[in-house]
Structures are given as C-alpha cells and as structure tokens.
C-alpha cells in the first residue's frame, strides 16, 4: 500500500476537529484529534484514536478522567496550537476544569468521562471512554476536510433554496 495514496484517500473524509484533554488544573494536557466517534448508547461510550507517540497518551490509563472538546468554527487557531509539539498548549487559552478534565471555552460540544480501555491498533491506540457528561453549544462545529478547516452546510443551503416541509391536511 502506498502511504501517500492512503493519506490522500483519508483526507477525503470530513471529520470533526477535537481537542482531547486530561490532567489537573496545575498540569493540563491536550492534543488535537480528528479520529473521534460515538461508540455506544448503552452504556454511553465514545472513542478517540491517539498516536502511540502522543504526550497525552502517556498521561492516560484505565480510569483516567478525559475530556473531548469538539471545536467550533472560531477555534481553528486552537486546533493548530494543540497539534503543535514542544509548546505549552494551554498558554493564553481560556479553559476550566469540568467533569474531571480541562474544558476549553467556546467549544461546540463537550464530552467527558473516564478511560474504559486502551487498545493498540497499528501506530495508534484506541481510547474507549465511558461518558459521564455531554453538552452542546449553539455555535457551529469545526470540520477538517481535504487538509482544510471548514464547517457543515445543509444541502438546501448549498443549493440556495429554503427547506420546505409539506404538511398533508387532516381529514
């Protein structure tokens, strides 16, 4: 398999941009991730995929608190900051501790819980998370597609027509 062909194919998948966090108020850790998904409703679980070299992964074990900040369209710079190695990623960032993990201000969606399992998968580790809290804000989500940031638009909006619902009269 040609690695570049695989990377090009994967760049065609639109993904929510997230910053996954753990740690304490004195020592927060976080990294940008695009491999995030809902896993189970009963019990509520999500999954993130972290590079085995990730400094965040080194902080995690089963039972660790963990947060997933789905970024909003206003947070493209945060996505880049938390993807940069060798810097204090939280410097100058507005955040607070919530549900046991660092929560970024202005996110689109917040999901928090504890690490349920760590599963090695190639050069990554799948982190299965038991969810204890989930909330959504009214802003738009930041998406990553074709190596660029953007957001979602409805097909009707893209086609320039309003969404119309036909209602049948009741007899």
C-alpha atoms as a PDB file:
ATOM      1  CA  UNK A   1       0.000   0.000   0.000  1.00  0.00           C
ATOM      2  CA  UNK A   2       1.325   3.405  -0.983  1.00  0.00           C
ATOM      3  CA  UNK A   3       1.240   5.531   2.224  1.00  0.00           C
ATOM      4  CA  UNK A   4       0.611   8.760   0.271  1.00  0.00           C
ATOM      5  CA  UNK A   5      -2.354   7.218  -1.574  1.00  0.00           C
ATOM      6  CA  UNK A   6      -3.803   6.154   1.792  1.00  0.00           C
ATOM      7  CA  UNK A   7      -3.291   9.639   3.266  1.00  0.00           C
ATOM      8  CA  UNK A   8      -4.916  11.208   0.200  1.00  0.00           C
ATOM      9  CA  UNK A   9      -7.916   8.880   0.460  1.00  0.00           C
ATOM     10  CA  UNK A  10      -8.351   9.612   4.182  1.00  0.00           C
ATOM     11  CA  UNK A  11      -8.192  13.377   3.516  1.00  0.00           C
ATOM     12  CA  UNK A  12     -11.487  12.972   1.660  1.00  0.00           C
ATOM     13  CA  UNK A  13     -13.327  12.107   4.886  1.00  0.00           C
ATOM     14  CA  UNK A  14     -14.804  15.109   6.703  1.00  0.00           C
ATOM     15  CA  UNK A  15     -14.101  14.880  10.432  1.00  0.00           C
ATOM     16  CA  UNK A  16     -14.950  16.916  13.493  1.00  0.00           C
ATOM     17  CA  UNK A  17     -11.871  18.630  14.937  1.00  0.00           C
ATOM     18  CA  UNK A  18     -11.454  17.851  18.619  1.00  0.00           C
ATOM     19  CA  UNK A  19      -9.022  18.622  21.395  1.00  0.00           C
ATOM     20  CA  UNK A  20      -8.779  15.708  23.802  1.00  0.00           C
ATOM     21  CA  UNK A  21      -7.705  16.648  27.337  1.00  0.00           C
ATOM     22  CA  UNK A  22      -6.711  15.175  30.667  1.00  0.00           C
ATOM     23  CA  UNK A  23      -4.727  16.270  33.702  1.00  0.00           C
ATOM     24  CA  UNK A  24      -5.206  18.730  36.530  1.00  0.00           C
ATOM     25  CA  UNK A  25      -5.578  22.488  36.874  1.00  0.00           C
ATOM     26  CA  UNK A  26      -1.847  22.680  37.586  1.00  0.00           C
ATOM     27  CA  UNK A  27      -0.807  20.243  34.834  1.00  0.00           C
ATOM     28  CA  UNK A  28      -3.297  20.089  31.943  1.00  0.00           C
ATOM     29  CA  UNK A  29      -2.569  18.029  28.834  1.00  0.00           C
ATOM     30  CA  UNK A  30      -4.280  18.144  25.454  1.00  0.00           C
ATOM     31  CA  UNK A  31      -3.875  17.325  21.792  1.00  0.00           C
ATOM     32  CA  UNK A  32      -5.777  17.857  18.541  1.00  0.00           C
ATOM     33  CA  UNK A  33      -7.528  14.776  17.189  1.00  0.00           C
ATOM     34  CA  UNK A  34      -9.744  14.170  14.160  1.00  0.00           C
ATOM     35  CA  UNK A  35     -10.367  10.455  14.844  1.00  0.00           C
ATOM     36  CA  UNK A  36     -13.326  10.698  17.242  1.00  0.00           C
ATOM     37  CA  UNK A  37     -16.622   8.861  17.114  1.00  0.00           C
ATOM     38  CA  UNK A  38     -19.663   7.795  19.048  1.00  0.00           C
ATOM     39  CA  UNK A  39     -19.291   4.145  20.029  1.00  0.00           C
ATOM     40  CA  UNK A  40     -22.227   3.018  22.192  1.00  0.00           C
ATOM     41  CA  UNK A  41     -25.503   4.308  23.580  1.00  0.00           C
ATOM     42  CA  UNK A  42     -25.869   1.639  26.296  1.00  0.00           C
ATOM     43  CA  UNK A  43     -23.612   2.344  28.050  1.00  0.00           C
ATOM     44  CA  UNK A  44     -22.730   5.766  26.616  1.00  0.00           C
ATOM     45  CA  UNK A  45     -19.245   5.497  25.111  1.00  0.00           C
ATOM     46  CA  UNK A  46     -17.066   7.355  22.617  1.00  0.00           C
ATOM     47  CA  UNK A  47     -13.727   6.516  21.036  1.00  0.00           C
ATOM     48  CA  UNK A  48     -10.672   8.596  20.149  1.00  0.00           C
ATOM     49  CA  UNK A  49      -7.537   7.446  18.393  1.00  0.00           C
ATOM     50  CA  UNK A  50      -4.142   8.723  19.601  1.00  0.00           C
ATOM     51  CA  UNK A  51      -0.711   8.312  18.029  1.00  0.00           C
ATOM     52  CA  UNK A  52       1.449   5.992  20.154  1.00  0.00           C
ATOM     53  CA  UNK A  53       3.994   8.845  20.420  1.00  0.00           C
ATOM     54  CA  UNK A  54       1.361  11.236  21.820  1.00  0.00           C
ATOM     55  CA  UNK A  55       2.364  13.048  25.006  1.00  0.00           C
ATOM     56  CA  UNK A  56      -1.327  12.926  26.005  1.00  0.00           C
ATOM     57  CA  UNK A  57      -1.433   9.139  25.655  1.00  0.00           C
ATOM     58  CA  UNK A  58       1.472   8.890  28.113  1.00  0.00           C
ATOM     59  CA  UNK A  59      -0.834  10.505  30.727  1.00  0.00           C
ATOM     60  CA  UNK A  60      -3.687   8.006  30.284  1.00  0.00           C
ATOM     61  CA  UNK A  61      -4.548   4.713  31.916  1.00  0.00           C
ATOM     62  CA  UNK A  62      -7.803   2.896  32.564  1.00  0.00           C
ATOM     63  CA  UNK A  63      -9.874   5.073  34.918  1.00  0.00           C
ATOM     64  CA  UNK A  64      -8.192   8.365  33.951  1.00  0.00           C
ATOM     65  CA  UNK A  65     -10.521  11.360  33.521  1.00  0.00           C
ATOM     66  CA  UNK A  66     -10.662  12.540  29.916  1.00  0.00           C
ATOM     67  CA  UNK A  67     -12.466  15.283  28.026  1.00  0.00           C
ATOM     68  CA  UNK A  68     -13.299  15.724  24.358  1.00  0.00           C
ATOM     69  CA  UNK A  69     -13.754  19.305  23.156  1.00  0.00           C
ATOM     70  CA  UNK A  70     -15.347  19.351  19.689  1.00  0.00           C
ATOM     71  CA  UNK A  71     -14.100  22.697  18.448  1.00  0.00           C
ATOM     72  CA  UNK A  72     -16.249  25.470  16.980  1.00  0.00           C
ATOM     73  CA  UNK A  73     -15.549  27.353  13.760  1.00  0.00           C
ATOM     74  CA  UNK A  74     -13.973  30.159  15.818  1.00  0.00           C
ATOM     75  CA  UNK A  75     -11.287  27.779  17.136  1.00  0.00           C
ATOM     76  CA  UNK A  76      -9.145  26.951  14.106  1.00  0.00           C
ATOM     77  CA  UNK A  77      -6.124  28.546  15.800  1.00  0.00           C
ATOM     78  CA  UNK A  78      -6.666  26.309  18.852  1.00  0.00           C
ATOM     79  CA  UNK A  79      -6.688  23.248  16.604  1.00  0.00           C
ATOM     80  CA  UNK A  80      -3.275  24.276  15.249  1.00  0.00           C
ATOM     81  CA  UNK A  81      -1.920  25.135  18.713  1.00  0.00           C
ATOM     82  CA  UNK A  82      -2.907  21.793  20.226  1.00  0.00           C
ATOM     83  CA  UNK A  83      -1.398  19.987  17.201  1.00  0.00           C
ATOM     84  CA  UNK A  84       1.995  21.653  17.760  1.00  0.00           C
ATOM     85  CA  UNK A  85       4.647  19.663  19.624  1.00  0.00           C
ATOM     86  CA  UNK A  86       7.040  21.102  22.187  1.00  0.00           C
ATOM     87  CA  UNK A  87       4.993  24.096  23.378  1.00  0.00           C
ATOM     88  CA  UNK A  88       2.748  24.915  26.343  1.00  0.00           C
ATOM     89  CA  UNK A  89      -0.526  24.268  24.534  1.00  0.00           C
ATOM     90  CA  UNK A  90      -2.640  25.830  27.310  1.00  0.00           C
ATOM     91  CA  UNK A  91      -0.705  29.144  27.452  1.00  0.00           C
ATOM     92  CA  UNK A  92      -3.132  32.002  26.781  1.00  0.00           C
ATOM     93  CA  UNK A  93      -6.077  29.619  26.300  1.00  0.00           C
ATOM     94  CA  UNK A  94      -9.361  30.130  28.181  1.00  0.00           C
ATOM     95  CA  UNK A  95     -10.304  26.888  29.901  1.00  0.00           C
ATOM     96  CA  UNK A  96     -11.530  25.437  33.180  1.00  0.00           C
ATOM     97  CA  UNK A  97     -11.708  22.069  34.900  1.00  0.00           C
ATOM     98  CA  UNK A  98     -15.076  20.389  34.287  1.00  0.00           C
ATOM     99  CA  UNK A  99     -16.142  16.823  34.963  1.00  0.00           C
ATOM    100  CA  UNK A 100     -12.543  15.935  35.887  1.00  0.00           C
ATOM    101  CA  UNK A 101     -10.819  17.217  32.721  1.00  0.00           C
ATOM    102  CA  UNK A 102      -9.732  20.502  31.123  1.00  0.00           C
ATOM    103  CA  UNK A 103     -12.625  22.041  29.133  1.00  0.00           C
ATOM    104  CA  UNK A 104     -11.917  24.708  26.506  1.00  0.00           C
ATOM    105  CA  UNK A 105     -14.134  27.796  26.487  1.00  0.00           C
ATOM    106  CA  UNK A 106     -16.165  28.317  23.310  1.00  0.00           C
ATOM    107  CA  UNK A 107     -16.205  24.700  22.177  1.00  0.00           C
ATOM    108  CA  UNK A 108     -19.089  23.322  20.103  1.00  0.00           C
ATOM    109  CA  UNK A 109     -19.571  20.087  22.050  1.00  0.00           C
ATOM    110  CA  UNK A 110     -18.167  18.781  25.332  1.00  0.00           C
ATOM    111  CA  UNK A 111     -17.995  15.092  26.227  1.00  0.00           C
ATOM    112  CA  UNK A 112     -16.287  13.927  29.409  1.00  0.00           C
ATOM    113  CA  UNK A 113     -15.750  10.606  31.101  1.00  0.00           C
ATOM    114  CA  UNK A 114     -13.134   8.081  32.100  1.00  0.00           C
ATOM    115  CA  UNK A 115     -10.878   5.812  30.076  1.00  0.00           C
ATOM    116  CA  UNK A 116     -12.506   2.365  29.846  1.00  0.00           C
ATOM    117  CA  UNK A 117      -9.931   0.599  27.641  1.00  0.00           C
ATOM    118  CA  UNK A 118      -6.757   1.258  25.676  1.00  0.00           C
ATOM    119  CA  UNK A 119      -6.398  -0.884  22.537  1.00  0.00           C
ATOM    120  CA  UNK A 120      -3.251  -0.885  20.395  1.00  0.00           C
ATOM    121  CA  UNK A 121      -4.055  -0.571  16.698  1.00  0.00           C
ATOM    122  CA  UNK A 122      -1.118  -0.126  14.321  1.00  0.00           C
ATOM    123  CA  UNK A 123       0.771   3.075  15.137  1.00  0.00           C
ATOM    124  CA  UNK A 124      -2.180   4.362  17.208  1.00  0.00           C
ATOM    125  CA  UNK A 125      -4.052   3.453  20.380  1.00  0.00           C
ATOM    126  CA  UNK A 126      -7.840   3.426  20.509  1.00  0.00           C
ATOM    127  CA  UNK A 127      -9.075   5.055  23.699  1.00  0.00           C
ATOM    128  CA  UNK A 128     -12.552   3.853  24.692  1.00  0.00           C
ATOM    129  CA  UNK A 129     -14.272   6.332  27.003  1.00  0.00           C
ATOM    130  CA  UNK A 130     -17.176   5.760  29.396  1.00  0.00           C
ATOM    131  CA  UNK A 131     -19.146   9.022  29.095  1.00  0.00           C
ATOM    132  CA  UNK A 132     -20.456  10.780  32.217  1.00  0.00           C
ATOM    133  CA  UNK A 133     -21.322  14.187  30.711  1.00  0.00           C
ATOM    134  CA  UNK A 134     -22.253  15.597  27.306  1.00  0.00           C
ATOM    135  CA  UNK A 135     -23.355  19.087  26.257  1.00  0.00           C
ATOM    136  CA  UNK A 136     -23.743  21.058  23.033  1.00  0.00           C
ATOM    137  CA  UNK A 137     -23.395  24.795  22.443  1.00  0.00           C
ATOM    138  CA  UNK A 138     -25.247  26.784  19.775  1.00  0.00           C
ATOM    139  CA  UNK A 139     -22.171  27.602  17.638  1.00  0.00           C
ATOM    140  CA  UNK A 140     -21.066  25.694  14.502  1.00  0.00           C
ATOM    141  CA  UNK A 141     -18.638  22.735  14.573  1.00  0.00           C
ATOM    142  CA  UNK A 142     -15.162  22.957  13.047  1.00  0.00           C
ATOM    143  CA  UNK A 143     -14.581  20.260  10.426  1.00  0.00           C
ATOM    144  CA  UNK A 144     -11.409  19.072   8.693  1.00  0.00           C
ATOM    145  CA  UNK A 145     -11.690  18.029   5.043  1.00  0.00           C
ATOM    146  CA  UNK A 146      -9.103  17.925   2.248  1.00  0.00           C
ATOM    147  CA  UNK A 147      -6.499  19.240   4.708  1.00  0.00           C
ATOM    148  CA  UNK A 148      -8.518  22.429   5.378  1.00  0.00           C
ATOM    149  CA  UNK A 149     -10.815  23.654   8.134  1.00  0.00           C
ATOM    150  CA  UNK A 150     -14.450  24.415   7.378  1.00  0.00           C
ATOM    151  CA  UNK A 151     -17.932  23.688   8.672  1.00  0.00           C
ATOM    152  CA  UNK A 152     -21.148  21.960   7.681  1.00  0.00           C
ATOM    153  CA  UNK A 153     -23.824  23.409   5.444  1.00  0.00           C
ATOM    154  CA  UNK A 154     -27.157  21.819   4.637  1.00  0.00           C
ATOM    155  CA  UNK A 155     -27.695  20.673   1.054  1.00  0.00           C
ATOM    156  CA  UNK A 156     -30.653  23.033   0.769  1.00  0.00           C
ATOM    157  CA  UNK A 157     -28.496  25.993   1.809  1.00  0.00           C
ATOM    158  CA  UNK A 158     -25.742  24.940  -0.603  1.00  0.00           C
ATOM    159  CA  UNK A 159     -28.292  24.671  -3.413  1.00  0.00           C
ATOM    160  CA  UNK A 160     -29.744  28.088  -2.481  1.00  0.00           C
ATOM    161  CA  UNK A 161     -33.236  27.039  -1.547  1.00  0.00           C
ATOM    162  CA  UNK A 162     -35.117  27.032   1.698  1.00  0.00           C
ATOM    163  CA  UNK A 163     -36.057  23.778   3.340  1.00  0.00           C
ATOM    164  CA  UNK A 164     -39.748  23.241   2.804  1.00  0.00           C
ATOM    165  CA  UNK A 165     -41.903  20.768   4.648  1.00  0.00           C
ATOM    166  CA  UNK A 166     -45.148  19.667   3.086  1.00  0.00           C
ATOM    167  CA  UNK A 167     -47.935  19.074   5.541  1.00  0.00           C
ATOM    168  CA  UNK A 168     -50.888  16.998   4.469  1.00  0.00           C
ATOM    169  CA  UNK A 169     -54.298  18.218   5.676  1.00  0.00           C
ATOM    170  CA  UNK A 170     -56.017  16.011   8.239  1.00  0.00           C
ATOM    171  CA  UNK A 171     -59.433  14.589   7.419  1.00  0.00           C
END
